Amino acid sequence: MNLNFNEINTKRNLLAFSAGIDSTALFFLLLEKNIPFDIAIVNYNVREQSKDEVEYAKKLANKYNKKIYIKSIKLENISNFEKKARDIRYAFFEDIIEENNYETLITAHQLNDKLEWFLMQLTRGAGLTELISFDKIIHKDSYKIYRPLLDITKPKLQKYLDTNNIQYFIDITNFDEQYKRNFFRKNFSNELLEEFEEGIKRSFEYLQKDINSLNINQTPIYKEEQLEVFTNQEDDNLNIRVIDLNLKKRGILLSKAQRDEILKQKELVISHKISISITEKYIFISPYESCIMDKKFKEKCRLAKIPKNNRAYIYKKNLLGVFELII
């Protein structure tokens, strides 16, 4: 399988590994290209087989001289399993990246995943940005996420493994239709790709070009620590796109209800984590904080029209430069 990995120009890379078809294929494809990487795996202890998957990951790491990071957590019989598992997984990856100075997180999402996401968002009532938000490269504050397999279908990856007699595991929960993604996979996306793969790939390329031509300004006019300030675009659709893209970098995907509420309220805290404020001239995005502020600071914020929900973070981090911007 001849893939172009030119986008990986970093030396400190971490592969999100599961021992399934996708990540196992990516493991060996990266080896073929002599791209340096280590691996991280999460065991949710939902299936008995997961222990074997972790042992396989250890075996590969030892054989090919890779560092391996393992997280074991009990995640049984909970609601919204997929989201909670994803949150745990990415928090684990970010901790590893921060502690070990990795530059790129490599994930094994492929074309089937991208189409499943598209169909799920389509049924929820999404806009163009959300429909194709499976970007190949996502830039975070201190690292980037790279998805090199987005043009490759899962059956092609499985064929690559079978042809080369490479061991892999199949997660039986991938066939459980209580998970919405599995429902779309079984009933729609797999069959569509079998019949219309090339057309679907071209459509995704055209849609990405359409998004790029929109020229949504994602550059903040002020950025310090995790406070970012953008110019109010004086258009609700453009403003929510700016907010959407920024929160995506922070690991938060907004629902339609949340987008509507942001535009309605103008000041909102998302997931008890991020404060978003839309003022007459600016959009403020920062972590949500709560603390006692002195009267002089609060009066200064009032005169400068700094949104209330963002003040505590500015106060705790002593981000006085934002006042110079406003004034």
C-alpha atoms as a PDB file:
ATOM      1  CA  MET A   1       0.000   0.000   0.000  1.00  0.00           C
ATOM      2  CA  ASN A   2       1.655   3.193  -1.203  1.00  0.00           C
ATOM      3  CA  LEU A   3       0.726   6.119   1.030  1.00  0.00           C
ATOM      4  CA  ASN A   4       2.202   9.596   1.189  1.00  0.00           C
ATOM      5  CA  PHE A   5       3.261  10.529   4.712  1.00  0.00           C
ATOM      6  CA  ASN A   6       4.987  13.773   3.753  1.00  0.00           C
ATOM      7  CA  GLU A   7       2.834  15.746   6.205  1.00  0.00           C
ATOM      8  CA  ILE A   8       4.650  14.056   9.074  1.00  0.00           C
ATOM      9  CA  ASN A   9       7.764  16.184   9.460  1.00  0.00           C
ATOM     10  CA  THR A  10       8.138  15.733  13.206  1.00  0.00           C
ATOM     11  CA  LYS A  11      10.430  13.381  15.137  1.00  0.00           C
ATOM     12  CA  ARG A  12       8.388  13.016  18.335  1.00  0.00           C
ATOM     13  CA  ASN A  13       5.210  11.190  17.245  1.00  0.00           C
ATOM     14  CA  LEU A  14       2.620   9.249  19.246  1.00  0.00           C
ATOM     15  CA  LEU A  15       0.349   6.672  17.599  1.00  0.00           C
ATOM     16  CA  ALA A  16      -3.092   6.083  19.098  1.00  0.00           C
ATOM     17  CA  PHE A  17      -3.169   2.279  19.051  1.00  0.00           C
ATOM     18  CA  SER A  18      -5.983  -0.204  19.689  1.00  0.00           C
ATOM     19  CA  ALA A  19      -4.737  -3.445  18.035  1.00  0.00           C
ATOM     20  CA  GLY A  20      -7.695  -3.259  15.633  1.00  0.00           C
ATOM     21  CA  ILE A  21      -7.477  -3.300  11.845  1.00  0.00           C
ATOM     22  CA  ASP A  22      -6.948   0.432  11.360  1.00  0.00           C
ATOM     23  CA  SER A  23      -4.287   1.171  13.967  1.00  0.00           C
ATOM     24  CA  THR A  24      -2.420  -2.101  13.357  1.00  0.00           C
ATOM     25  CA  ALA A  25      -2.221  -1.360   9.632  1.00  0.00           C
ATOM     26  CA  LEU A  26      -1.036   2.166  10.385  1.00  0.00           C
ATOM     27  CA  PHE A  27       1.596   0.817  12.798  1.00  0.00           C
ATOM     28  CA  PHE A  28       3.212  -1.251  10.049  1.00  0.00           C
ATOM     29  CA  LEU A  29       2.773   1.401   7.344  1.00  0.00           C
ATOM     30  CA  LEU A  30       4.664   3.878   9.541  1.00  0.00           C
ATOM     31  CA  LEU A  31       7.387   1.273  10.063  1.00  0.00           C
ATOM     32  CA  GLU A  32       7.716   0.827   6.295  1.00  0.00           C
ATOM     33  CA  LYS A  33       8.288   4.571   5.893  1.00  0.00           C
ATOM     34  CA  ASN A  34      10.808   4.685   8.774  1.00  0.00           C
ATOM     35  CA  ILE A  35       8.725   7.275  10.591  1.00  0.00           C
ATOM     36  CA  PRO A  36       9.592   7.456  14.304  1.00  0.00           C
ATOM     37  CA  PHE A  37       6.722   6.906  16.726  1.00  0.00           C
ATOM     38  CA  ASP A  38       5.682   5.446  20.063  1.00  0.00           C
ATOM     39  CA  ILE A  39       2.272   4.026  20.947  1.00  0.00           C
ATOM     40  CA  ALA A  40      -0.498   4.573  23.486  1.00  0.00           C
ATOM     41  CA  ILE A  41      -3.413   2.236  24.207  1.00  0.00           C
ATOM     42  CA  VAL A  42      -6.465   2.451  26.479  1.00  0.00           C
ATOM     43  CA  ASN A  43      -8.129  -0.618  28.022  1.00  0.00           C
ATOM     44  CA  TYR A  44     -11.725   0.151  29.039  1.00  0.00           C
ATOM     45  CA  ASN A  45     -12.137  -3.369  30.478  1.00  0.00           C
ATOM     46  CA  VAL A  46     -15.448  -3.845  28.682  1.00  0.00           C
ATOM     47  CA  ARG A  47     -14.373  -6.999  26.808  1.00  0.00           C
ATOM     48  CA  GLU A  48     -12.271  -9.968  27.921  1.00  0.00           C
ATOM     49  CA  GLN A  49     -10.369  -9.728  24.637  1.00  0.00           C
ATOM     50  CA  SER A  50      -9.062  -6.264  25.543  1.00  0.00           C
ATOM     51  CA  LYS A  51      -6.403  -7.878  27.758  1.00  0.00           C
ATOM     52  CA  ASP A  52      -5.084  -9.759  24.730  1.00  0.00           C
ATOM     53  CA  GLU A  53      -5.050  -6.534  22.721  1.00  0.00           C
ATOM     54  CA  VAL A  54      -2.903  -4.826  25.346  1.00  0.00           C
ATOM     55  CA  GLU A  55      -0.525  -7.794  25.410  1.00  0.00           C
ATOM     56  CA  TYR A  56      -0.265  -7.621  21.611  1.00  0.00           C
ATOM     57  CA  ALA A  57       0.538  -3.907  21.848  1.00  0.00           C
ATOM     58  CA  LYS A  58       3.285  -4.683  24.379  1.00  0.00           C
ATOM     59  CA  LYS A  59       4.662  -7.398  22.093  1.00  0.00           C
ATOM     60  CA  LEU A  60       4.853  -5.012  19.127  1.00  0.00           C
ATOM     61  CA  ALA A  61       6.398  -2.254  21.219  1.00  0.00           C
ATOM     62  CA  ASN A  62       9.083  -4.619  22.495  1.00  0.00           C
ATOM     63  CA  LYS A  63       9.801  -6.131  19.084  1.00  0.00           C
ATOM     64  CA  TYR A  64      10.119  -2.791  17.275  1.00  0.00           C
ATOM     65  CA  ASN A  65      11.690  -0.806  20.134  1.00  0.00           C
ATOM     66  CA  LYS A  66       8.757   1.529  20.759  1.00  0.00           C
ATOM     67  CA  LYS A  67       7.767   3.150  24.021  1.00  0.00           C
ATOM     68  CA  ILE A  68       4.283   2.143  25.086  1.00  0.00           C
ATOM     69  CA  TYR A  69       1.850   3.990  27.340  1.00  0.00           C
ATOM     70  CA  ILE A  70      -1.094   2.042  28.775  1.00  0.00           C
ATOM     71  CA  LYS A  71      -4.177   3.294  30.589  1.00  0.00           C
ATOM     72  CA  SER A  72      -6.582   0.833  32.221  1.00  0.00           C
ATOM     73  CA  ILE A  73      -9.994   2.041  33.340  1.00  0.00           C
ATOM     74  CA  LYS A  74     -13.309   0.413  34.232  1.00  0.00           C
ATOM     75  CA  LEU A  75     -15.969   1.830  31.931  1.00  0.00           C
ATOM     76  CA  GLU A  76     -18.896  -0.559  32.035  1.00  0.00           C
ATOM     77  CA  ASN A  77     -22.656   0.052  32.056  1.00  0.00           C
ATOM     78  CA  ILE A  78     -22.546   3.816  31.607  1.00  0.00           C
ATOM     79  CA  SER A  79     -24.627   6.093  29.420  1.00  0.00           C
ATOM     80  CA  ASN A  80     -23.072   7.856  26.431  1.00  0.00           C
ATOM     81  CA  PHE A  81     -20.188   5.382  26.440  1.00  0.00           C
ATOM     82  CA  GLU A  82     -18.672   6.536  23.136  1.00  0.00           C
ATOM     83  CA  LYS A  83     -18.290  10.168  24.191  1.00  0.00           C
ATOM     84  CA  LYS A  84     -16.933   9.349  27.640  1.00  0.00           C
ATOM     85  CA  ALA A  85     -14.483   6.847  26.191  1.00  0.00           C
ATOM     86  CA  ARG A  86     -13.303   9.420  23.675  1.00  0.00           C
ATOM     87  CA  ASP A  87     -12.863  12.094  26.364  1.00  0.00           C
ATOM     88  CA  ILE A  88     -10.835   9.702  28.528  1.00  0.00           C
ATOM     89  CA  ARG A  89      -8.742   8.587  25.560  1.00  0.00           C
ATOM     90  CA  TYR A  90      -7.815  12.068  24.392  1.00  0.00           C
ATOM     91  CA  ALA A  91      -7.150  13.353  27.917  1.00  0.00           C
ATOM     92  CA  PHE A  92      -4.722  10.423  28.305  1.00  0.00           C
ATOM     93  CA  PHE A  93      -3.034  11.236  24.989  1.00  0.00           C
ATOM     94  CA  GLU A  94      -2.692  14.912  25.886  1.00  0.00           C
ATOM     95  CA  ASP A  95      -1.122  14.080  29.244  1.00  0.00           C
ATOM     96  CA  ILE A  96       1.437  11.873  27.506  1.00  0.00           C
ATOM     97  CA  ILE A  97       2.146  14.536  24.878  1.00  0.00           C
ATOM     98  CA  GLU A  98       2.637  17.252  27.479  1.00  0.00           C
ATOM     99  CA  GLU A  99       4.835  15.156  29.770  1.00  0.00           C
ATOM    100  CA  ASN A 100       7.004  13.728  26.974  1.00  0.00           C
ATOM    101  CA  ASN A 101       7.094  16.588  24.447  1.00  0.00           C
ATOM    102  CA  TYR A 102       5.471  14.745  21.556  1.00  0.00           C
ATOM    103  CA  GLU A 103       4.783  16.938  18.545  1.00  0.00           C
ATOM    104  CA  THR A 104       2.207  14.912  16.607  1.00  0.00           C
ATOM    105  CA  LEU A 105      -0.604  12.563  17.602  1.00  0.00           C
ATOM    106  CA  ILE A 106      -1.235  10.101  14.763  1.00  0.00           C
ATOM    107  CA  THR A 107      -4.666   8.460  14.603  1.00  0.00           C
ATOM    108  CA  ALA A 108      -5.939   5.693  12.337  1.00  0.00           C
ATOM    109  CA  HIS A 109      -9.274   7.171  11.259  1.00  0.00           C
ATOM    110  CA  GLN A 110     -10.056   6.067   7.716  1.00  0.00           C
ATOM    111  CA  LEU A 111     -12.577   6.787   4.932  1.00  0.00           C
ATOM    112  CA  ASN A 112     -15.339   4.657   6.471  1.00  0.00           C
ATOM    113  CA  ASP A 113     -15.047   6.673   9.697  1.00  0.00           C
ATOM    114  CA  LYS A 114     -15.231   9.929   7.757  1.00  0.00           C
ATOM    115  CA  LEU A 115     -18.392   8.889   5.909  1.00  0.00           C
ATOM    116  CA  GLU A 116     -20.020   7.602   9.107  1.00  0.00           C
ATOM    117  CA  TRP A 117     -19.373  10.966  10.747  1.00  0.00           C
ATOM    118  CA  PHE A 118     -20.791  12.791   7.706  1.00  0.00           C
ATOM    119  CA  LEU A 119     -24.007  10.756   7.785  1.00  0.00           C
ATOM    120  CA  MET A 120     -24.417  11.139  11.547  1.00  0.00           C
ATOM    121  CA  GLN A 121     -24.002  14.912  11.334  1.00  0.00           C
ATOM    122  CA  LEU A 122     -26.346  15.079   8.336  1.00  0.00           C
ATOM    123  CA  THR A 123     -29.146  13.462  10.341  1.00  0.00           C
ATOM    124  CA  ARG A 124     -28.567  15.839  13.266  1.00  0.00           C
ATOM    125  CA  GLY A 125     -28.933  18.962  11.156  1.00  0.00           C
ATOM    126  CA  ALA A 126     -25.360  20.191  10.644  1.00  0.00           C
ATOM    127  CA  GLY A 127     -23.689  22.827   8.507  1.00  0.00           C
ATOM    128  CA  LEU A 128     -20.860  22.428   6.023  1.00  0.00           C
ATOM    129  CA  THR A 129     -18.059  22.734   8.581  1.00  0.00           C
ATOM    130  CA  GLU A 130     -19.513  20.028  10.833  1.00  0.00           C
ATOM    131  CA  LEU A 131     -20.333  17.672   7.968  1.00  0.00           C
ATOM    132  CA  ILE A 132     -16.705  17.303   6.918  1.00  0.00           C
ATOM    133  CA  SER A 133     -14.908  18.172  10.143  1.00  0.00           C
ATOM    134  CA  PHE A 134     -12.709  15.074   9.848  1.00  0.00           C
ATOM    135  CA  ASP A 135      -9.650  17.089   8.837  1.00  0.00           C
ATOM    136  CA  LYS A 136      -6.402  15.348   7.938  1.00  0.00           C
ATOM    137  CA  ILE A 137      -4.397  17.766  10.111  1.00  0.00           C
ATOM    138  CA  ILE A 138      -5.666  19.603  13.195  1.00  0.00           C
ATOM    139  CA  HIS A 139      -3.384  22.108  14.891  1.00  0.00           C
ATOM    140  CA  LYS A 140      -3.651  22.254  18.667  1.00  0.00           C
ATOM    141  CA  ASP A 141      -1.810  24.664  20.962  1.00  0.00           C
ATOM    142  CA  SER A 142       1.251  22.487  21.548  1.00  0.00           C
ATOM    143  CA  TYR A 143       0.889  19.643  19.044  1.00  0.00           C
ATOM    144  CA  LYS A 144      -1.009  18.552  15.948  1.00  0.00           C
ATOM    145  CA  ILE A 145      -3.289  15.627  15.161  1.00  0.00           C
ATOM    146  CA  TYR A 146      -2.550  13.797  11.927  1.00  0.00           C
ATOM    147  CA  ARG A 147      -4.928  11.353  10.209  1.00  0.00           C
ATOM    148  CA  PRO A 148      -3.075   9.891   7.216  1.00  0.00           C
ATOM    149  CA  LEU A 149      -5.629   7.184   6.305  1.00  0.00           C
ATOM    150  CA  LEU A 150      -8.680   9.326   5.501  1.00  0.00           C
ATOM    151  CA  ASP A 151      -8.600   8.370   1.811  1.00  0.00           C
ATOM    152  CA  ILE A 152      -8.305   4.619   2.505  1.00  0.00           C
ATOM    153  CA  THR A 153     -11.236   2.291   3.195  1.00  0.00           C
ATOM    154  CA  LYS A 154     -11.239  -0.231   6.035  1.00  0.00           C
ATOM    155  CA  PRO A 155     -11.462  -3.266   3.674  1.00  0.00           C
ATOM    156  CA  LYS A 156      -8.254  -2.127   1.941  1.00  0.00           C
ATOM    157  CA  LEU A 157      -6.468  -1.879   5.274  1.00  0.00           C
ATOM    158  CA  GLN A 158      -7.690  -5.352   6.228  1.00  0.00           C
ATOM    159  CA  LYS A 159      -6.507  -6.730   2.890  1.00  0.00           C
ATOM    160  CA  TYR A 160      -3.065  -5.205   3.524  1.00  0.00           C
ATOM    161  CA  LEU A 161      -2.861  -6.989   6.898  1.00  0.00           C
ATOM    162  CA  ASP A 162      -4.111 -10.308   5.548  1.00  0.00           C
ATOM    163  CA  THR A 163      -1.738 -10.192   2.578  1.00  0.00           C
ATOM    164  CA  ASN A 164       1.211  -9.619   4.898  1.00  0.00           C
ATOM    165  CA  ASN A 165       0.042 -12.152   7.528  1.00  0.00           C
ATOM    166  CA  ILE A 166      -0.109  -9.492  10.226  1.00  0.00           C
ATOM    167  CA  GLN A 167      -2.135 -10.231  13.357  1.00  0.00           C
ATOM    168  CA  TYR A 168      -4.984  -7.910  14.357  1.00  0.00           C
ATOM    169  CA  PHE A 169      -8.083  -7.982  16.541  1.00  0.00           C
ATOM    170  CA  ILE A 170     -11.725  -7.290  15.742  1.00  0.00           C
ATOM    171  CA  ASP A 171     -13.709  -5.523  18.444  1.00  0.00           C
ATOM    172  CA  ILE A 172     -17.090  -7.284  18.694  1.00  0.00           C
ATOM    173  CA  THR A 173     -18.708  -4.124  20.074  1.00  0.00           C
ATOM    174  CA  ASN A 174     -18.270  -2.641  16.577  1.00  0.00           C
ATOM    175  CA  PHE A 175     -21.285  -4.747  15.591  1.00  0.00           C
ATOM    176  CA  ASP A 176     -23.497  -3.603  18.463  1.00  0.00           C
ATOM    177  CA  GLU A 177     -26.105  -1.252  17.000  1.00  0.00           C
ATOM    178  CA  GLN A 178     -26.905   0.352  20.336  1.00  0.00           C
ATOM    179  CA  TYR A 179     -23.985   2.600  19.399  1.00  0.00           C
ATOM    180  CA  LYS A 180     -25.186   5.041  16.763  1.00  0.00           C
ATOM    181  CA  ARG A 181     -21.975   4.917  14.768  1.00  0.00           C
ATOM    182  CA  ASN A 182     -22.340   1.144  14.354  1.00  0.00           C
ATOM    183  CA  PHE A 183     -25.903   1.612  13.111  1.00  0.00           C
ATOM    184  CA  PHE A 184     -24.728   3.969  10.370  1.00  0.00           C
ATOM    185  CA  ARG A 185     -21.789   1.713   9.569  1.00  0.00           C
ATOM    186  CA  LYS A 186     -23.870  -1.437   9.133  1.00  0.00           C
ATOM    187  CA  ASN A 187     -26.854   0.085   7.356  1.00  0.00           C
ATOM    188  CA  PHE A 188     -25.367   2.836   5.211  1.00  0.00           C
ATOM    189  CA  SER A 189     -21.675   3.761   5.052  1.00  0.00           C
ATOM    190  CA  ASN A 190     -20.122   0.372   4.285  1.00  0.00           C
ATOM    191  CA  GLU A 191     -22.470  -0.330   1.390  1.00  0.00           C
ATOM    192  CA  LEU A 192     -22.150   3.192   0.012  1.00  0.00           C
ATOM    193  CA  LEU A 193     -18.364   2.940  -0.078  1.00  0.00           C
ATOM    194  CA  GLU A 194     -18.446  -0.490  -1.669  1.00  0.00           C
ATOM    195  CA  GLU A 195     -20.527   0.937  -4.516  1.00  0.00           C
ATOM    196  CA  PHE A 196     -19.403   4.573  -4.788  1.00  0.00           C
ATOM    197  CA  GLU A 197     -15.936   4.886  -3.221  1.00  0.00           C
ATOM    198  CA  GLU A 198     -14.293   7.090  -5.855  1.00  0.00           C
ATOM    199  CA  GLY A 199     -17.263   9.454  -6.128  1.00  0.00           C
ATOM    200  CA  ILE A 200     -17.466   9.847  -2.350  1.00  0.00           C
ATOM    201  CA  LYS A 201     -13.741  10.612  -2.140  1.00  0.00           C
ATOM    202  CA  ARG A 202     -14.063  13.272  -4.857  1.00  0.00           C
ATOM    203  CA  SER A 203     -17.060  14.821  -3.110  1.00  0.00           C
ATOM    204  CA  PHE A 204     -15.106  15.148   0.141  1.00  0.00           C
ATOM    205  CA  GLU A 205     -12.267  16.823  -1.786  1.00  0.00           C
ATOM    206  CA  TYR A 206     -14.657  19.332  -3.383  1.00  0.00           C
ATOM    207  CA  LEU A 207     -16.394  20.061  -0.069  1.00  0.00           C
ATOM    208  CA  GLN A 208     -13.025  20.727   1.593  1.00  0.00           C
ATOM    209  CA  LYS A 209     -12.124  23.156  -1.202  1.00  0.00           C
ATOM    210  CA  ASP A 210     -15.487  24.898  -0.712  1.00  0.00           C
ATOM    211  CA  ILE A 211     -14.762  25.340   3.005  1.00  0.00           C
ATOM    212  CA  ASN A 212     -11.288  26.673   2.259  1.00  0.00           C
ATOM    213  CA  SER A 213     -12.766  29.229  -0.150  1.00  0.00           C
ATOM    214  CA  LEU A 214     -15.030  30.619   2.579  1.00  0.00           C
ATOM    215  CA  ASN A 215     -11.958  32.235   4.143  1.00  0.00           C
ATOM    216  CA  ILE A 216     -13.277  32.133   7.707  1.00  0.00           C
ATOM    217  CA  ASN A 217     -10.777  34.148   9.739  1.00  0.00           C
ATOM    218  CA  GLN A 218      -9.565  31.811  12.485  1.00  0.00           C
ATOM    219  CA  THR A 219      -6.724  34.070  13.616  1.00  0.00           C
ATOM    220  CA  PRO A 220      -7.312  35.752  16.997  1.00  0.00           C
ATOM    221  CA  ILE A 221      -6.493  39.434  17.328  1.00  0.00           C
ATOM    222  CA  TYR A 222      -5.305  38.664  20.874  1.00  0.00           C
ATOM    223  CA  LYS A 223      -4.001  35.411  22.347  1.00  0.00           C
ATOM    224  CA  GLU A 224      -2.388  34.916  25.726  1.00  0.00           C
ATOM    225  CA  GLU A 225      -2.331  31.652  27.677  1.00  0.00           C
ATOM    226  CA  GLN A 226      -5.710  30.081  26.760  1.00  0.00           C
ATOM    227  CA  LEU A 227      -7.560  33.359  26.255  1.00  0.00           C
ATOM    228  CA  GLU A 228      -8.321  34.144  22.611  1.00  0.00           C
ATOM    229  CA  VAL A 229     -10.134  37.217  21.323  1.00  0.00           C
ATOM    230  CA  PHE A 230     -11.560  37.464  17.806  1.00  0.00           C
ATOM    231  CA  THR A 231     -13.199  40.295  15.931  1.00  0.00           C
ATOM    232  CA  ASN A 232     -16.989  40.073  15.872  1.00  0.00           C
ATOM    233  CA  GLN A 233     -17.803  39.216  12.239  1.00  0.00           C
ATOM    234  CA  GLU A 234     -21.206  40.930  12.519  1.00  0.00           C
ATOM    235  CA  ASP A 235     -22.777  37.794  11.114  1.00  0.00           C
ATOM    236  CA  ASP A 236     -24.161  35.028  13.345  1.00  0.00           C
ATOM    237  CA  ASN A 237     -23.173  32.267  10.960  1.00  0.00           C
ATOM    238  CA  LEU A 238     -19.570  33.462  10.674  1.00  0.00           C
ATOM    239  CA  ASN A 239     -19.300  34.055  14.430  1.00  0.00           C
ATOM    240  CA  ILE A 240     -20.479  30.564  15.288  1.00  0.00           C
ATOM    241  CA  ARG A 241     -18.054  29.111  12.735  1.00  0.00           C
ATOM    242  CA  VAL A 242     -15.156  30.937  14.428  1.00  0.00           C
ATOM    243  CA  ILE A 243     -16.302  29.622  17.819  1.00  0.00           C
ATOM    244  CA  ASP A 244     -16.922  26.126  16.467  1.00  0.00           C
ATOM    245  CA  LEU A 245     -13.459  25.826  14.941  1.00  0.00           C
ATOM    246  CA  ASN A 246     -11.761  27.210  18.057  1.00  0.00           C
ATOM    247  CA  LEU A 247     -13.558  24.818  20.407  1.00  0.00           C
ATOM    248  CA  LYS A 248     -12.781  21.923  18.108  1.00  0.00           C
ATOM    249  CA  LYS A 249      -9.082  22.673  18.650  1.00  0.00           C
ATOM    250  CA  ARG A 250      -9.756  22.554  22.381  1.00  0.00           C
ATOM    251  CA  GLY A 251     -11.318  19.109  22.026  1.00  0.00           C
ATOM    252  CA  ILE A 252     -14.966  20.194  22.303  1.00  0.00           C
ATOM    253  CA  LEU A 253     -17.566  19.495  19.610  1.00  0.00           C
ATOM    254  CA  LEU A 254     -20.620  21.740  19.837  1.00  0.00           C
ATOM    255  CA  SER A 255     -24.140  20.419  19.356  1.00  0.00           C
ATOM    256  CA  LYS A 256     -26.722  22.359  17.386  1.00  0.00           C
ATOM    257  CA  ALA A 257     -28.521  23.201  20.636  1.00  0.00           C
ATOM    258  CA  GLN A 258     -25.304  24.642  22.082  1.00  0.00           C
ATOM    259  CA  ARG A 259     -24.664  26.733  18.968  1.00  0.00           C
ATOM    260  CA  ASP A 260     -28.179  28.134  19.092  1.00  0.00           C
ATOM    261  CA  GLU A 261     -27.833  28.910  22.796  1.00  0.00           C
ATOM    262  CA  ILE A 262     -24.511  30.714  22.297  1.00  0.00           C
ATOM    263  CA  LEU A 263     -26.057  32.994  19.691  1.00  0.00           C
ATOM    264  CA  LYS A 264     -29.101  33.565  21.868  1.00  0.00           C
ATOM    265  CA  GLN A 265     -27.370  34.190  25.215  1.00  0.00           C
ATOM    266  CA  LYS A 266     -24.140  35.782  23.913  1.00  0.00           C
ATOM    267  CA  GLU A 267     -22.410  34.644  27.132  1.00  0.00           C
ATOM    268  CA  LEU A 268     -22.270  30.925  27.917  1.00  0.00           C
ATOM    269  CA  VAL A 269     -20.126  28.309  29.664  1.00  0.00           C
ATOM    270  CA  ILE A 270     -19.740  25.114  27.627  1.00  0.00           C
ATOM    271  CA  SER A 271     -19.321  21.753  29.386  1.00  0.00           C
ATOM    272  CA  HIS A 272     -18.392  23.596  32.605  1.00  0.00           C
ATOM    273  CA  LYS A 273     -15.021  24.234  30.944  1.00  0.00           C
ATOM    274  CA  ILE A 274     -15.000  27.021  28.365  1.00  0.00           C
ATOM    275  CA  SER A 275     -16.432  30.541  28.609  1.00  0.00           C
ATOM    276  CA  ILE A 276     -17.670  32.043  25.364  1.00  0.00           C
ATOM    277  CA  SER A 277     -18.783  35.661  25.071  1.00  0.00           C
ATOM    278  CA  ILE A 278     -19.921  37.635  22.057  1.00  0.00           C
ATOM    279  CA  THR A 279     -19.796  41.403  22.561  1.00  0.00           C
ATOM    280  CA  GLU A 280     -20.541  44.234  20.156  1.00  0.00           C
ATOM    281  CA  LYS A 281     -16.983  44.186  18.798  1.00  0.00           C
ATOM    282  CA  TYR A 282     -15.335  40.974  19.963  1.00  0.00           C
ATOM    283  CA  ILE A 283     -15.620  37.255  20.648  1.00  0.00           C
ATOM    284  CA  PHE A 284     -13.926  36.103  23.876  1.00  0.00           C
ATOM    285  CA  ILE A 285     -13.029  32.430  24.422  1.00  0.00           C
ATOM    286  CA  SER A 286     -11.235  31.221  27.550  1.00  0.00           C
ATOM    287  CA  PRO A 287     -11.309  28.474  30.187  1.00  0.00           C
ATOM    288  CA  TYR A 288     -14.038  28.984  32.774  1.00  0.00           C
ATOM    289  CA  GLU A 289     -12.744  30.079  36.169  1.00  0.00           C
ATOM    290  CA  SER A 290     -14.359  31.250  39.379  1.00  0.00           C
ATOM    291  CA  CYS A 291     -12.566  33.363  41.962  1.00  0.00           C
ATOM    292  CA  ILE A 292     -12.857  36.466  44.124  1.00  0.00           C
ATOM    293  CA  MET A 293     -11.640  39.562  42.252  1.00  0.00           C
ATOM    294  CA  ASP A 294     -10.759  42.901  43.790  1.00  0.00           C
ATOM    295  CA  LYS A 295     -13.061  45.876  43.212  1.00  0.00           C
ATOM    296  CA  LYS A 296     -10.503  47.840  41.227  1.00  0.00           C
ATOM    297  CA  PHE A 297     -10.106  44.991  38.713  1.00  0.00           C
ATOM    298  CA  LYS A 298     -13.865  44.486  38.382  1.00  0.00           C
ATOM    299  CA  GLU A 299     -14.378  48.192  37.740  1.00  0.00           C
ATOM    300  CA  LYS A 300     -11.664  48.148  35.113  1.00  0.00           C
ATOM    301  CA  CYS A 301     -13.407  45.213  33.422  1.00  0.00           C
ATOM    302  CA  ARG A 302     -16.747  47.005  33.545  1.00  0.00           C
ATOM    303  CA  LEU A 303     -15.347  50.137  31.897  1.00  0.00           C
ATOM    304  CA  ALA A 304     -13.563  48.077  29.235  1.00  0.00           C
ATOM    305  CA  LYS A 305     -16.687  45.936  28.727  1.00  0.00           C
ATOM    306  CA  ILE A 306     -14.841  42.693  29.420  1.00  0.00           C
ATOM    307  CA  PRO A 307     -17.481  39.913  29.603  1.00  0.00           C
ATOM    308  CA  LYS A 308     -18.225  38.675  33.119  1.00  0.00           C
ATOM    309  CA  ASN A 309     -17.656  35.003  32.352  1.00  0.00           C
ATOM    310  CA  ASN A 310     -14.097  35.658  31.111  1.00  0.00           C
ATOM    311  CA  ARG A 311     -12.987  38.019  33.881  1.00  0.00           C
ATOM    312  CA  ALA A 312     -11.883  35.430  36.449  1.00  0.00           C
ATOM    313  CA  TYR A 313      -9.531  33.727  33.986  1.00  0.00           C
ATOM    314  CA  ILE A 314      -8.036  37.092  32.979  1.00  0.00           C
ATOM    315  CA  TYR A 315      -7.634  37.988  36.663  1.00  0.00           C
ATOM    316  CA  LYS A 316      -6.018  34.693  37.704  1.00  0.00           C
ATOM    317  CA  LYS A 317      -3.598  34.723  34.754  1.00  0.00           C
ATOM    318  CA  ASN A 318      -2.922  38.477  35.055  1.00  0.00           C
ATOM    319  CA  LEU A 319      -3.611  39.021  31.337  1.00  0.00           C
ATOM    320  CA  LEU A 320      -3.518  42.804  31.415  1.00  0.00           C
ATOM    321  CA  GLY A 321      -2.654  43.047  27.718  1.00  0.00           C
ATOM    322  CA  VAL A 322      -6.276  42.419  26.850  1.00  0.00           C
ATOM    323  CA  PHE A 323      -7.175  45.830  28.285  1.00  0.00           C
ATOM    324  CA  GLU A 324      -4.740  47.492  25.896  1.00  0.00           C
ATOM    325  CA  LEU A 325      -6.513  45.737  23.018  1.00  0.00           C
ATOM    326  CA  ILE A 326      -9.961  46.871  24.121  1.00  0.00           C
ATOM    327  CA  ILE A 327      -8.947  50.432  24.918  1.00  0.00           C
END
